[in-house]
C-alpha atoms as a PDB file:
ATOM      1  CA  UNK A   1      16.224 -18.858 -53.392  1.00  0.00           C
ATOM      2  CA  UNK A   2      19.975 -19.407 -53.829  1.00  0.00           C
ATOM      3  CA  UNK A   3      19.977 -17.491 -57.137  1.00  0.00           C
ATOM      4  CA  UNK A   4      17.996 -14.629 -55.577  1.00  0.00           C
ATOM      5  CA  UNK A   5      20.436 -14.360 -52.655  1.00  0.00           C
ATOM      6  CA  UNK A   6      23.352 -14.520 -55.086  1.00  0.00           C
ATOM      7  CA  UNK A   7      21.941 -11.698 -57.234  1.00  0.00           C
ATOM      8  CA  UNK A   8      21.249  -9.502 -54.187  1.00  0.00           C
ATOM      9  CA  UNK A   9      24.795 -10.215 -53.017  1.00  0.00           C
ATOM     10  CA  UNK A  10      26.191  -9.274 -56.419  1.00  0.00           C
ATOM     11  CA  UNK A  11      24.218  -5.998 -56.464  1.00  0.00           C
ATOM     12  CA  UNK A  12      25.312  -5.233 -52.896  1.00  0.00           C
ATOM     13  CA  UNK A  13      28.963  -5.856 -53.766  1.00  0.00           C
ATOM     14  CA  UNK A  14      28.751  -3.363 -56.651  1.00  0.00           C
ATOM     15  CA  UNK A  15      27.199  -0.726 -54.370  1.00  0.00           C
ATOM     16  CA  UNK A  16      29.901  -1.210 -51.714  1.00  0.00           C
ATOM     17  CA  UNK A  17      32.578  -0.968 -54.397  1.00  0.00           C
ATOM     18  CA  UNK A  18      31.053   2.290 -55.716  1.00  0.00           C
ATOM     19  CA  UNK A  19      30.828   3.765 -52.199  1.00  0.00           C
ATOM     20  CA  UNK A  20      34.472   2.907 -51.465  1.00  0.00           C
ATOM     21  CA  UNK A  21      35.525   4.485 -54.777  1.00  0.00           C
ATOM     22  CA  UNK A  22      33.624   7.621 -53.813  1.00  0.00           C
ATOM     23  CA  UNK A  23      31.306   7.341 -56.816  1.00  0.00           C
ATOM     24  CA  UNK A  24      28.195   6.764 -54.723  1.00  0.00           C
ATOM     25  CA  UNK A  25      27.535   9.669 -52.363  1.00  0.00           C
ATOM     26  CA  UNK A  26      24.543   8.863 -50.164  1.00  0.00           C
ATOM     27  CA  UNK A  27      24.508  12.397 -48.714  1.00  0.00           C
ATOM     28  CA  UNK A  28      22.910  13.569 -51.971  1.00  0.00           C
ATOM     29  CA  UNK A  29      19.670  11.931 -50.835  1.00  0.00           C
ATOM     30  CA  UNK A  30      19.186  14.288 -47.890  1.00  0.00           C
ATOM     31  CA  UNK A  31      20.350  17.248 -50.006  1.00  0.00           C
ATOM     32  CA  UNK A  32      17.785  16.477 -52.685  1.00  0.00           C
ATOM     33  CA  UNK A  33      14.950  16.153 -50.162  1.00  0.00           C
ATOM     34  CA  UNK A  34      15.787  19.289 -48.144  1.00  0.00           C
ATOM     35  CA  UNK A  35      17.185  21.607 -50.838  1.00  0.00           C
ATOM     36  CA  UNK A  36      15.308  20.481 -53.950  1.00  0.00           C
ATOM     37  CA  UNK A  37      11.940  19.038 -52.860  1.00  0.00           C
ATOM     38  CA  UNK A  38      10.260  20.272 -56.068  1.00  0.00           C
ATOM     39  CA  UNK A  39      12.683  18.225 -58.182  1.00  0.00           C
ATOM     40  CA  UNK A  40      11.978  15.131 -56.089  1.00  0.00           C
ATOM     41  CA  UNK A  41       8.222  15.655 -56.376  1.00  0.00           C
ATOM     42  CA  UNK A  42       8.389  16.184 -60.142  1.00  0.00           C
ATOM     43  CA  UNK A  43      10.568  13.079 -60.538  1.00  0.00           C
ATOM     44  CA  UNK A  44       8.045  10.955 -58.619  1.00  0.00           C
ATOM     45  CA  UNK A  45       5.195  12.384 -60.717  1.00  0.00           C
ATOM     46  CA  UNK A  46       6.987  11.544 -63.992  1.00  0.00           C
ATOM     47  CA  UNK A  47       7.746   8.000 -62.805  1.00  0.00           C
ATOM     48  CA  UNK A  48       4.103   7.636 -61.786  1.00  0.00           C
ATOM     49  CA  UNK A  49       2.974   8.954 -65.186  1.00  0.00           C
ATOM     50  CA  UNK A  50       5.111   6.356 -66.981  1.00  0.00           C
ATOM     51  CA  UNK A  51       3.965   3.529 -64.698  1.00  0.00           C
ATOM     52  CA  UNK A  52       0.266   4.254 -65.213  1.00  0.00           C
ATOM     53  CA  UNK A  53       0.801   4.865 -68.913  1.00  0.00           C
ATOM     54  CA  UNK A  54       2.360   1.447 -69.513  1.00  0.00           C
ATOM     55  CA  UNK A  55      -0.794  -0.179 -68.137  1.00  0.00           C
ATOM     56  CA  UNK A  56      -2.836   1.440 -70.944  1.00  0.00           C
ATOM     57  CA  UNK A  57      -0.310   0.155 -73.483  1.00  0.00           C
ATOM     58  CA  UNK A  58      -0.710  -3.406 -72.176  1.00  0.00           C
ATOM     59  CA  UNK A  59      -4.487  -2.921 -72.219  1.00  0.00           C
ATOM     60  CA  UNK A  60      -4.389  -2.159 -75.958  1.00  0.00           C
ATOM     61  CA  UNK A  61      -2.379  -5.322 -76.620  1.00  0.00           C
ATOM     62  CA  UNK A  62      -4.743  -7.499 -74.551  1.00  0.00           C
ATOM     63  CA  UNK A  63      -7.772  -6.135 -76.363  1.00  0.00           C
ATOM     64  CA  UNK A  64      -6.430  -7.492 -79.661  1.00  0.00           C
ATOM     65  CA  UNK A  65      -8.021 -10.818 -78.661  1.00  0.00           C
ATOM     66  CA  UNK A  66     -10.361  -9.957 -75.806  1.00  0.00           C
ATOM     67  CA  UNK A  67     -14.141 -10.050 -76.259  1.00  0.00           C
ATOM     68  CA  UNK A  68     -14.496  -6.390 -75.408  1.00  0.00           C
ATOM     69  CA  UNK A  69     -12.976  -3.472 -73.533  1.00  0.00           C
ATOM     70  CA  UNK A  70     -11.084  -4.463 -70.396  1.00  0.00           C
ATOM     71  CA  UNK A  71     -11.371  -2.614 -67.041  1.00  0.00           C
ATOM     72  CA  UNK A  72      -8.767   0.168 -66.798  1.00  0.00           C
ATOM     73  CA  UNK A  73      -8.511   0.170 -63.007  1.00  0.00           C
ATOM     74  CA  UNK A  74      -7.821  -3.549 -62.783  1.00  0.00           C
ATOM     75  CA  UNK A  75      -5.129  -3.420 -65.464  1.00  0.00           C
ATOM     76  CA  UNK A  76      -3.478  -0.488 -63.669  1.00  0.00           C
ATOM     77  CA  UNK A  77      -3.530  -2.594 -60.505  1.00  0.00           C
ATOM     78  CA  UNK A  78      -2.046  -5.615 -62.288  1.00  0.00           C
ATOM     79  CA  UNK A  79       0.688  -3.472 -63.829  1.00  0.00           C
ATOM     80  CA  UNK A  80       1.516  -2.063 -60.410  1.00  0.00           C
ATOM     81  CA  UNK A  81       1.763  -5.555 -58.938  1.00  0.00           C
ATOM     82  CA  UNK A  82       4.242  -6.389 -61.686  1.00  0.00           C
ATOM     83  CA  UNK A  83       6.283  -3.287 -60.868  1.00  0.00           C
ATOM     84  CA  UNK A  84       6.195  -4.149 -57.166  1.00  0.00           C
ATOM     85  CA  UNK A  85       7.743  -7.566 -57.662  1.00  0.00           C
ATOM     86  CA  UNK A  86      10.157  -6.271 -60.284  1.00  0.00           C
ATOM     87  CA  UNK A  87      11.539  -4.036 -57.508  1.00  0.00           C
ATOM     88  CA  UNK A  88      11.914  -6.697 -54.834  1.00  0.00           C
ATOM     89  CA  UNK A  89      12.962  -9.676 -56.965  1.00  0.00           C
ATOM     90  CA  UNK A  90      15.764  -9.870 -59.562  1.00  0.00           C
ATOM     91  CA  UNK A  91      14.557  -9.309 -63.118  1.00  0.00           C
ATOM     92  CA  UNK A  92      11.506  -7.524 -64.482  1.00  0.00           C
ATOM     93  CA  UNK A  93      10.260 -10.846 -65.871  1.00  0.00           C
ATOM     94  CA  UNK A  94       9.341 -11.958 -62.346  1.00  0.00           C
ATOM     95  CA  UNK A  95       6.819  -9.149 -62.026  1.00  0.00           C
ATOM     96  CA  UNK A  96       5.409  -9.844 -65.486  1.00  0.00           C
ATOM     97  CA  UNK A  97       4.811 -13.494 -64.640  1.00  0.00           C
ATOM     98  CA  UNK A  98       2.897 -12.592 -61.493  1.00  0.00           C
ATOM     99  CA  UNK A  99       0.688 -10.001 -63.179  1.00  0.00           C
ATOM    100  CA  UNK A 100      -0.139 -12.575 -65.875  1.00  0.00           C
ATOM    101  CA  UNK A 101      -1.249 -15.017 -63.161  1.00  0.00           C
ATOM    102  CA  UNK A 102      -3.600 -12.374 -61.753  1.00  0.00           C
ATOM    103  CA  UNK A 103      -4.781 -11.452 -65.265  1.00  0.00           C
ATOM    104  CA  UNK A 104      -6.366 -14.866 -65.921  1.00  0.00           C
ATOM    105  CA  UNK A 105      -9.842 -13.670 -64.893  1.00  0.00           C
ATOM    106  CA  UNK A 106      -9.797 -10.522 -67.084  1.00  0.00           C
ATOM    107  CA  UNK A 107     -11.381 -12.414 -69.964  1.00  0.00           C
ATOM    108  CA  UNK A 108     -12.046 -16.154 -70.134  1.00  0.00           C
ATOM    109  CA  UNK A 109     -11.198 -16.196 -73.845  1.00  0.00           C
ATOM    110  CA  UNK A 110      -7.618 -15.021 -73.255  1.00  0.00           C
ATOM    111  CA  UNK A 111      -5.332 -18.059 -73.121  1.00  0.00           C
ATOM    112  CA  UNK A 112      -2.346 -18.404 -70.814  1.00  0.00           C
ATOM    113  CA  UNK A 113       0.004 -18.343 -73.817  1.00  0.00           C
ATOM    114  CA  UNK A 114      -1.539 -15.135 -75.153  1.00  0.00           C
ATOM    115  CA  UNK A 115      -1.324 -13.427 -71.744  1.00  0.00           C
ATOM    116  CA  UNK A 116       2.370 -14.314 -71.443  1.00  0.00           C
ATOM    117  CA  UNK A 117       2.980 -13.214 -75.040  1.00  0.00           C
ATOM    118  CA  UNK A 118       1.184  -9.908 -74.411  1.00  0.00           C
ATOM    119  CA  UNK A 119       3.415  -9.191 -71.392  1.00  0.00           C
ATOM    120  CA  UNK A 120       6.498 -10.091 -73.449  1.00  0.00           C
ATOM    121  CA  UNK A 121       5.329  -7.932 -76.346  1.00  0.00           C
ATOM    122  CA  UNK A 122       4.652  -5.061 -73.961  1.00  0.00           C
ATOM    123  CA  UNK A 123       8.238  -5.287 -72.714  1.00  0.00           C
ATOM    124  CA  UNK A 124       9.615  -5.419 -76.251  1.00  0.00           C
ATOM    125  CA  UNK A 125       7.625  -2.365 -77.372  1.00  0.00           C
ATOM    126  CA  UNK A 126       8.820  -0.545 -74.249  1.00  0.00           C
ATOM    127  CA  UNK A 127      12.403  -1.349 -75.241  1.00  0.00           C
ATOM    128  CA  UNK A 128      11.729  -0.228 -78.827  1.00  0.00           C
ATOM    129  CA  UNK A 129      10.573   3.137 -77.475  1.00  0.00           C
ATOM    130  CA  UNK A 130      13.919   3.560 -75.713  1.00  0.00           C
ATOM    131  CA  UNK A 131      15.878   2.520 -78.784  1.00  0.00           C
ATOM    132  CA  UNK A 132      14.048   4.941 -81.074  1.00  0.00           C
ATOM    133  CA  UNK A 133      14.656   7.797 -78.623  1.00  0.00           C
ATOM    134  CA  UNK A 134      18.313   6.832 -78.296  1.00  0.00           C
ATOM    135  CA  UNK A 135      18.835   6.568 -82.057  1.00  0.00           C
ATOM    136  CA  UNK A 136      17.043   9.801 -82.977  1.00  0.00           C
ATOM    137  CA  UNK A 137      18.933  11.997 -80.515  1.00  0.00           C
ATOM    138  CA  UNK A 138      22.259  10.280 -81.271  1.00  0.00           C
ATOM    139  CA  UNK A 139      21.846  11.151 -84.965  1.00  0.00           C
ATOM    140  CA  UNK A 140      20.815  14.701 -84.059  1.00  0.00           C
ATOM    141  CA  UNK A 141      23.917  15.318 -81.904  1.00  0.00           C
ATOM    142  CA  UNK A 142      26.351  13.070 -83.765  1.00  0.00           C
ATOM    143  CA  UNK A 143      28.778  15.705 -85.076  1.00  0.00           C
ATOM    144  CA  UNK A 144      29.162  17.531 -81.761  1.00  0.00           C
ATOM    145  CA  UNK A 145      29.460  14.383 -79.659  1.00  0.00           C
ATOM    146  CA  UNK A 146      32.094  12.507 -81.685  1.00  0.00           C
ATOM    147  CA  UNK A 147      34.366  15.517 -81.130  1.00  0.00           C
ATOM    148  CA  UNK A 148      34.377  14.818 -77.390  1.00  0.00           C
ATOM    149  CA  UNK A 149      36.337  11.542 -77.427  1.00  0.00           C
ATOM    150  CA  UNK A 150      36.959   8.221 -79.163  1.00  0.00           C
ATOM    151  CA  UNK A 151      34.844   6.505 -76.485  1.00  0.00           C
ATOM    152  CA  UNK A 152      31.924   8.765 -77.369  1.00  0.00           C
ATOM    153  CA  UNK A 153      32.219   7.868 -81.043  1.00  0.00           C
ATOM    154  CA  UNK A 154      32.150   4.155 -80.170  1.00  0.00           C
ATOM    155  CA  UNK A 155      29.137   4.699 -77.927  1.00  0.00           C
ATOM    156  CA  UNK A 156      27.208   6.468 -80.698  1.00  0.00           C
ATOM    157  CA  UNK A 157      28.079   3.729 -83.199  1.00  0.00           C
ATOM    158  CA  UNK A 158      26.729   1.193 -80.719  1.00  0.00           C
ATOM    159  CA  UNK A 159      23.565   3.297 -80.418  1.00  0.00           C
ATOM    160  CA  UNK A 160      23.091   3.162 -84.202  1.00  0.00           C
ATOM    161  CA  UNK A 161      23.586  -0.613 -84.171  1.00  0.00           C
ATOM    162  CA  UNK A 162      20.823  -0.939 -81.563  1.00  0.00           C
ATOM    163  CA  UNK A 163      18.568   1.370 -83.590  1.00  0.00           C
ATOM    164  CA  UNK A 164      19.003  -0.760 -86.716  1.00  0.00           C
ATOM    165  CA  UNK A 165      18.113  -3.857 -84.685  1.00  0.00           C
ATOM    166  CA  UNK A 166      14.984  -2.157 -83.365  1.00  0.00           C
ATOM    167  CA  UNK A 167      13.890  -1.105 -86.850  1.00  0.00           C
ATOM    168  CA  UNK A 168      14.556  -4.630 -88.143  1.00  0.00           C
ATOM    169  CA  UNK A 169      12.423  -6.228 -85.441  1.00  0.00           C
ATOM    170  CA  UNK A 170       9.633  -3.708 -85.965  1.00  0.00           C
ATOM    171  CA  UNK A 171       9.551  -4.523 -89.682  1.00  0.00           C
ATOM    172  CA  UNK A 172       9.204  -8.258 -88.930  1.00  0.00           C
ATOM    173  CA  UNK A 173       5.905  -7.522 -87.175  1.00  0.00           C
ATOM    174  CA  UNK A 174       4.414  -6.596 -90.538  1.00  0.00           C
ATOM    175  CA  UNK A 175       5.771  -9.432 -92.664  1.00  0.00           C
ATOM    176  CA  UNK A 176       3.364 -10.732 -95.352  1.00  0.00           C
ATOM    177  CA  UNK A 177       1.139 -13.528 -94.055  1.00  0.00           C
ATOM    178  CA  UNK A 178       2.593 -16.062 -96.526  1.00  0.00           C
ATOM    179  CA  UNK A 179       6.086 -15.583 -95.075  1.00  0.00           C
ATOM    180  CA  UNK A 180       4.749 -15.778 -91.515  1.00  0.00           C
ATOM    181  CA  UNK A 181       3.017 -19.098 -92.257  1.00  0.00           C
ATOM    182  CA  UNK A 182       6.203 -20.586 -93.732  1.00  0.00           C
ATOM    183  CA  UNK A 183       8.272 -19.515 -90.724  1.00  0.00           C
ATOM    184  CA  UNK A 184       5.672 -20.920 -88.311  1.00  0.00           C
ATOM    185  CA  UNK A 185       5.656 -24.241 -90.168  1.00  0.00           C
ATOM    186  CA  UNK A 186       9.444 -24.459 -89.807  1.00  0.00           C
ATOM    187  CA  UNK A 187       9.290 -23.600 -86.103  1.00  0.00           C
ATOM    188  CA  UNK A 188       6.683 -26.277 -85.467  1.00  0.00           C
ATOM    189  CA  UNK A 189       9.129 -28.940 -86.656  1.00  0.00           C
ATOM    190  CA  UNK A 190      11.765 -28.017 -84.062  1.00  0.00           C
ATOM    191  CA  UNK A 191      12.010 -30.802 -81.435  1.00  0.00           C
ATOM    192  CA  UNK A 192      10.864 -30.128 -77.849  1.00  0.00           C
ATOM    193  CA  UNK A 193      10.384 -26.339 -78.076  1.00  0.00           C
ATOM    194  CA  UNK A 194       8.804 -26.080 -81.529  1.00  0.00           C
ATOM    195  CA  UNK A 195       5.210 -25.817 -80.294  1.00  0.00           C
ATOM    196  CA  UNK A 196       6.134 -23.216 -77.696  1.00  0.00           C
ATOM    197  CA  UNK A 197       7.926 -21.070 -80.280  1.00  0.00           C
ATOM    198  CA  UNK A 198       4.978 -21.518 -82.616  1.00  0.00           C
ATOM    199  CA  UNK A 199       2.431 -20.333 -80.015  1.00  0.00           C
ATOM    200  CA  UNK A 200       4.479 -17.325 -78.878  1.00  0.00           C
ATOM    201  CA  UNK A 201       5.340 -16.122 -82.377  1.00  0.00           C
ATOM    202  CA  UNK A 202       1.755 -16.670 -83.509  1.00  0.00           C
ATOM    203  CA  UNK A 203       0.615 -14.434 -80.655  1.00  0.00           C
ATOM    204  CA  UNK A 204       3.220 -11.787 -81.516  1.00  0.00           C
ATOM    205  CA  UNK A 205       2.160 -11.729 -85.156  1.00  0.00           C
ATOM    206  CA  UNK A 206      -1.502 -11.688 -84.174  1.00  0.00           C
ATOM    207  CA  UNK A 207      -0.796  -8.425 -82.380  1.00  0.00           C
ATOM    208  CA  UNK A 208       1.369  -7.253 -85.273  1.00  0.00           C
ATOM    209  CA  UNK A 209      -1.571  -7.728 -87.624  1.00  0.00           C
ATOM    210  CA  UNK A 210      -3.279  -4.890 -85.749  1.00  0.00           C
ATOM    211  CA  UNK A 211      -1.023  -2.230 -87.252  1.00  0.00           C
ATOM    212  CA  UNK A 212      -2.857   0.742 -85.781  1.00  0.00           C
ATOM    213  CA  UNK A 213      -2.679  -0.775 -82.295  1.00  0.00           C
ATOM    214  CA  UNK A 214       1.055  -1.506 -82.610  1.00  0.00           C
ATOM    215  CA  UNK A 215       1.786   2.016 -83.835  1.00  0.00           C
ATOM    216  CA  UNK A 216      -0.269   3.465 -80.971  1.00  0.00           C
ATOM    217  CA  UNK A 217       1.653   1.314 -78.485  1.00  0.00           C
ATOM    218  CA  UNK A 218       4.994   2.388 -79.948  1.00  0.00           C
ATOM    219  CA  UNK A 219       3.978   6.059 -79.760  1.00  0.00           C
ATOM    220  CA  UNK A 220       2.886   5.593 -76.146  1.00  0.00           C
ATOM    221  CA  UNK A 221       6.152   3.820 -75.367  1.00  0.00           C
ATOM    222  CA  UNK A 222       8.224   6.696 -76.749  1.00  0.00           C
ATOM    223  CA  UNK A 223       6.228   9.192 -74.646  1.00  0.00           C
ATOM    224  CA  UNK A 224       6.463   7.162 -71.435  1.00  0.00           C
ATOM    225  CA  UNK A 225      10.155   6.408 -71.883  1.00  0.00           C
ATOM    226  CA  UNK A 226      10.758  10.091 -72.508  1.00  0.00           C
ATOM    227  CA  UNK A 227       9.000  10.651 -69.175  1.00  0.00           C
ATOM    228  CA  UNK A 228      11.545   8.373 -67.466  1.00  0.00           C
ATOM    229  CA  UNK A 229      14.442  10.258 -69.064  1.00  0.00           C
ATOM    230  CA  UNK A 230      12.918  13.556 -67.942  1.00  0.00           C
ATOM    231  CA  UNK A 231      12.521  12.152 -64.417  1.00  0.00           C
ATOM    232  CA  UNK A 232      16.257  11.432 -64.221  1.00  0.00           C
ATOM    233  CA  UNK A 233      17.038  14.864 -65.655  1.00  0.00           C
ATOM    234  CA  UNK A 234      14.915  16.910 -63.231  1.00  0.00           C
ATOM    235  CA  UNK A 235      16.210  15.172 -60.116  1.00  0.00           C
ATOM    236  CA  UNK A 236      19.877  15.151 -61.154  1.00  0.00           C
ATOM    237  CA  UNK A 237      20.076  18.595 -62.799  1.00  0.00           C
ATOM    238  CA  UNK A 238      20.702  20.533 -59.540  1.00  0.00           C
ATOM    239  CA  UNK A 239      23.855  18.449 -58.973  1.00  0.00           C
ATOM    240  CA  UNK A 240      25.410  18.619 -62.461  1.00  0.00           C
ATOM    241  CA  UNK A 241      29.159  19.358 -62.460  1.00  0.00           C
ATOM    242  CA  UNK A 242      29.163  20.155 -66.202  1.00  0.00           C
ATOM    243  CA  UNK A 243      26.857  21.974 -68.582  1.00  0.00           C
ATOM    244  CA  UNK A 244      24.575  19.581 -70.481  1.00  0.00           C
ATOM    245  CA  UNK A 245      21.250  20.323 -72.143  1.00  0.00           C
ATOM    246  CA  UNK A 246      18.170  18.132 -72.079  1.00  0.00           C
ATOM    247  CA  UNK A 247      18.443  17.156 -75.738  1.00  0.00           C
ATOM    248  CA  UNK A 248      21.941  15.747 -75.238  1.00  0.00           C
ATOM    249  CA  UNK A 249      20.677  13.911 -72.169  1.00  0.00           C
ATOM    250  CA  UNK A 250      18.601  11.701 -74.463  1.00  0.00           C
ATOM    251  CA  UNK A 251      21.731  10.385 -76.207  1.00  0.00           C
ATOM    252  CA  UNK A 252      22.859   8.250 -73.281  1.00  0.00           C
ATOM    253  CA  UNK A 253      20.179   7.953 -70.576  1.00  0.00           C
ATOM    254  CA  UNK A 254      18.095   5.419 -72.595  1.00  0.00           C
ATOM    255  CA  UNK A 255      21.183   3.197 -72.809  1.00  0.00           C
ATOM    256  CA  UNK A 256      21.533   3.296 -69.024  1.00  0.00           C
ATOM    257  CA  UNK A 257      17.843   2.463 -68.597  1.00  0.00           C
ATOM    258  CA  UNK A 258      18.306  -0.601 -70.817  1.00  0.00           C
ATOM    259  CA  UNK A 259      21.076  -1.798 -68.482  1.00  0.00           C
ATOM    260  CA  UNK A 260      18.657  -1.622 -65.540  1.00  0.00           C
ATOM    261  CA  UNK A 261      16.272  -3.948 -67.405  1.00  0.00           C
ATOM    262  CA  UNK A 262      18.806  -6.790 -67.367  1.00  0.00           C
ATOM    263  CA  UNK A 263      17.509  -9.629 -65.118  1.00  0.00           C
ATOM    264  CA  UNK A 264      20.536  -9.518 -62.838  1.00  0.00           C
ATOM    265  CA  UNK A 265      19.326  -7.514 -59.842  1.00  0.00           C
ATOM    266  CA  UNK A 266      16.030  -6.052 -58.569  1.00  0.00           C
ATOM    267  CA  UNK A 267      15.102  -2.851 -60.475  1.00  0.00           C
ATOM    268  CA  UNK A 268      18.680  -2.576 -61.770  1.00  0.00           C
ATOM    269  CA  UNK A 269      20.168  -2.199 -58.283  1.00  0.00           C
ATOM    270  CA  UNK A 270      23.948  -1.909 -58.540  1.00  0.00           C
ATOM    271  CA  UNK A 271      24.005  -2.557 -62.295  1.00  0.00           C
ATOM    272  CA  UNK A 272      22.217   0.714 -63.036  1.00  0.00           C
ATOM    273  CA  UNK A 273      24.424   2.611 -60.592  1.00  0.00           C
ATOM    274  CA  UNK A 274      27.607   1.368 -62.274  1.00  0.00           C
ATOM    275  CA  UNK A 275      26.253   1.945 -65.806  1.00  0.00           C
ATOM    276  CA  UNK A 276      25.109   5.502 -65.119  1.00  0.00           C
ATOM    277  CA  UNK A 277      28.360   6.290 -63.333  1.00  0.00           C
ATOM    278  CA  UNK A 278      30.238   5.457 -66.530  1.00  0.00           C
ATOM    279  CA  UNK A 279      27.770   7.116 -68.917  1.00  0.00           C
ATOM    280  CA  UNK A 280      27.632  10.398 -66.973  1.00  0.00           C
ATOM    281  CA  UNK A 281      31.440  10.511 -66.888  1.00  0.00           C
ATOM    282  CA  UNK A 282      31.558  10.561 -70.720  1.00  0.00           C
ATOM    283  CA  UNK A 283      29.833  13.942 -70.516  1.00  0.00           C
ATOM    284  CA  UNK A 284      32.052  15.325 -67.775  1.00  0.00           C
ATOM    285  CA  UNK A 285      29.532  14.818 -64.964  1.00  0.00           C
ATOM    286  CA  UNK A 286      30.944  13.275 -61.799  1.00  0.00           C
ATOM    287  CA  UNK A 287      29.137  10.975 -59.348  1.00  0.00           C
ATOM    288  CA  UNK A 288      26.735   9.619 -61.956  1.00  0.00           C
ATOM    289  CA  UNK A 289      26.001   6.644 -59.716  1.00  0.00           C
ATOM    290  CA  UNK A 290      24.810   9.032 -56.987  1.00  0.00           C
ATOM    291  CA  UNK A 291      22.579  10.882 -59.450  1.00  0.00           C
ATOM    292  CA  UNK A 292      21.027   7.660 -60.684  1.00  0.00           C
ATOM    293  CA  UNK A 293      20.504   6.625 -57.057  1.00  0.00           C
ATOM    294  CA  UNK A 294      18.157   9.592 -56.552  1.00  0.00           C
ATOM    295  CA  UNK A 295      15.999   8.444 -59.477  1.00  0.00           C
ATOM    296  CA  UNK A 296      16.263   4.821 -58.339  1.00  0.00           C
ATOM    297  CA  UNK A 297      14.811   5.663 -54.921  1.00  0.00           C
ATOM    298  CA  UNK A 298      11.904   7.575 -56.504  1.00  0.00           C
ATOM    299  CA  UNK A 299      11.288   4.616 -58.826  1.00  0.00           C
ATOM    300  CA  UNK A 300      11.260   2.095 -55.986  1.00  0.00           C
ATOM    301  CA  UNK A 301       8.975   4.368 -53.933  1.00  0.00           C
ATOM    302  CA  UNK A 302       6.400   4.417 -56.755  1.00  0.00           C
ATOM    303  CA  UNK A 303       6.747   0.699 -57.479  1.00  0.00           C
ATOM    304  CA  UNK A 304       6.303  -0.279 -53.826  1.00  0.00           C
ATOM    305  CA  UNK A 305       2.841   1.307 -53.886  1.00  0.00           C
ATOM    306  CA  UNK A 306       1.894  -1.846 -55.789  1.00  0.00           C
ATOM    307  CA  UNK A 307       1.533  -3.452 -52.362  1.00  0.00           C
ATOM    308  CA  UNK A 308      -1.987  -1.966 -52.145  1.00  0.00           C
ATOM    309  CA  UNK A 309      -3.479  -3.583 -55.295  1.00  0.00           C
ATOM    310  CA  UNK A 310      -1.562  -6.759 -54.435  1.00  0.00           C
ATOM    311  CA  UNK A 311      -3.325  -7.162 -51.076  1.00  0.00           C
ATOM    312  CA  UNK A 312      -6.680  -6.006 -52.463  1.00  0.00           C
ATOM    313  CA  UNK A 313      -6.589  -8.475 -55.356  1.00  0.00           C
ATOM    314  CA  UNK A 314      -5.193 -11.211 -53.151  1.00  0.00           C
ATOM    315  CA  UNK A 315      -8.089 -10.729 -50.734  1.00  0.00           C
ATOM    316  CA  UNK A 316     -10.579 -10.851 -53.589  1.00  0.00           C
ATOM    317  CA  UNK A 317      -9.019 -14.072 -54.902  1.00  0.00           C
ATOM    318  CA  UNK A 318      -9.379 -15.735 -51.495  1.00  0.00           C
ATOM    319  CA  UNK A 319     -13.026 -14.676 -51.288  1.00  0.00           C
ATOM    320  CA  UNK A 320     -13.734 -16.049 -54.756  1.00  0.00           C
ATOM    321  CA  UNK A 321     -11.996 -19.325 -53.858  1.00  0.00           C
END
């Protein structure tokens, strides 16, 4: 409880600091709703599309070890519960843990360790989708962007570093079985946490052995993450103070989205505002924190709809008990 209060306090302090600096203009909210309702609606639709889509990605990962096809509606509900608690509690991991608890009755053959590993793997593949988008568009626009400033050149170099890390991790999923066995044997000998590492990595590589499934999940991740980038673009475009095309938008928005995934504040509150304020400024767009705030409110609106499956599934659990 103390940590939660502390993290909310930290996020609140950042927001107050941004408001006092003039970087966070709350009047943009009413302007967006009254003057650009179509942009708001389209943003909510794109966020909704990504939220529902990620549930199908998790479904594919779960079915690597399930006895058969799993119910789509229930997995959508579980995903939404996870999003709900990711919005009201610091860190997306909190929501993942809760949806795993509810997922225990999906299939009796799915172990607790595998369910946790599947949620972790789902998060990792989601991050890989962002990194591949970020890297591809950074390479595409490299020559024109490094001419803007030294800071931009450093940012693009950092993007390439992240891309190389993503490619490296993706390759490890398809390591030869002999190498995997040797690594697992070494991990098992580690005191205290060896067995835990062994179980998690075994689950990760079990999913990695299904190459078609992993490639499908990565493709889905790229599409859904692109949907999130588009959502930010459509709701912020009417307020741009500099000319920037959609393709260039993909060179920095994924980096901002990664900042919001840090388990410091609920749904990236405060952290995302500060990060986007800085990133937008590199491209000559002022009040980036205010623009991100419009997307943030649409995101929270969609995520809070998870309250409905939460109460429905909670009621069912009580009846079954």
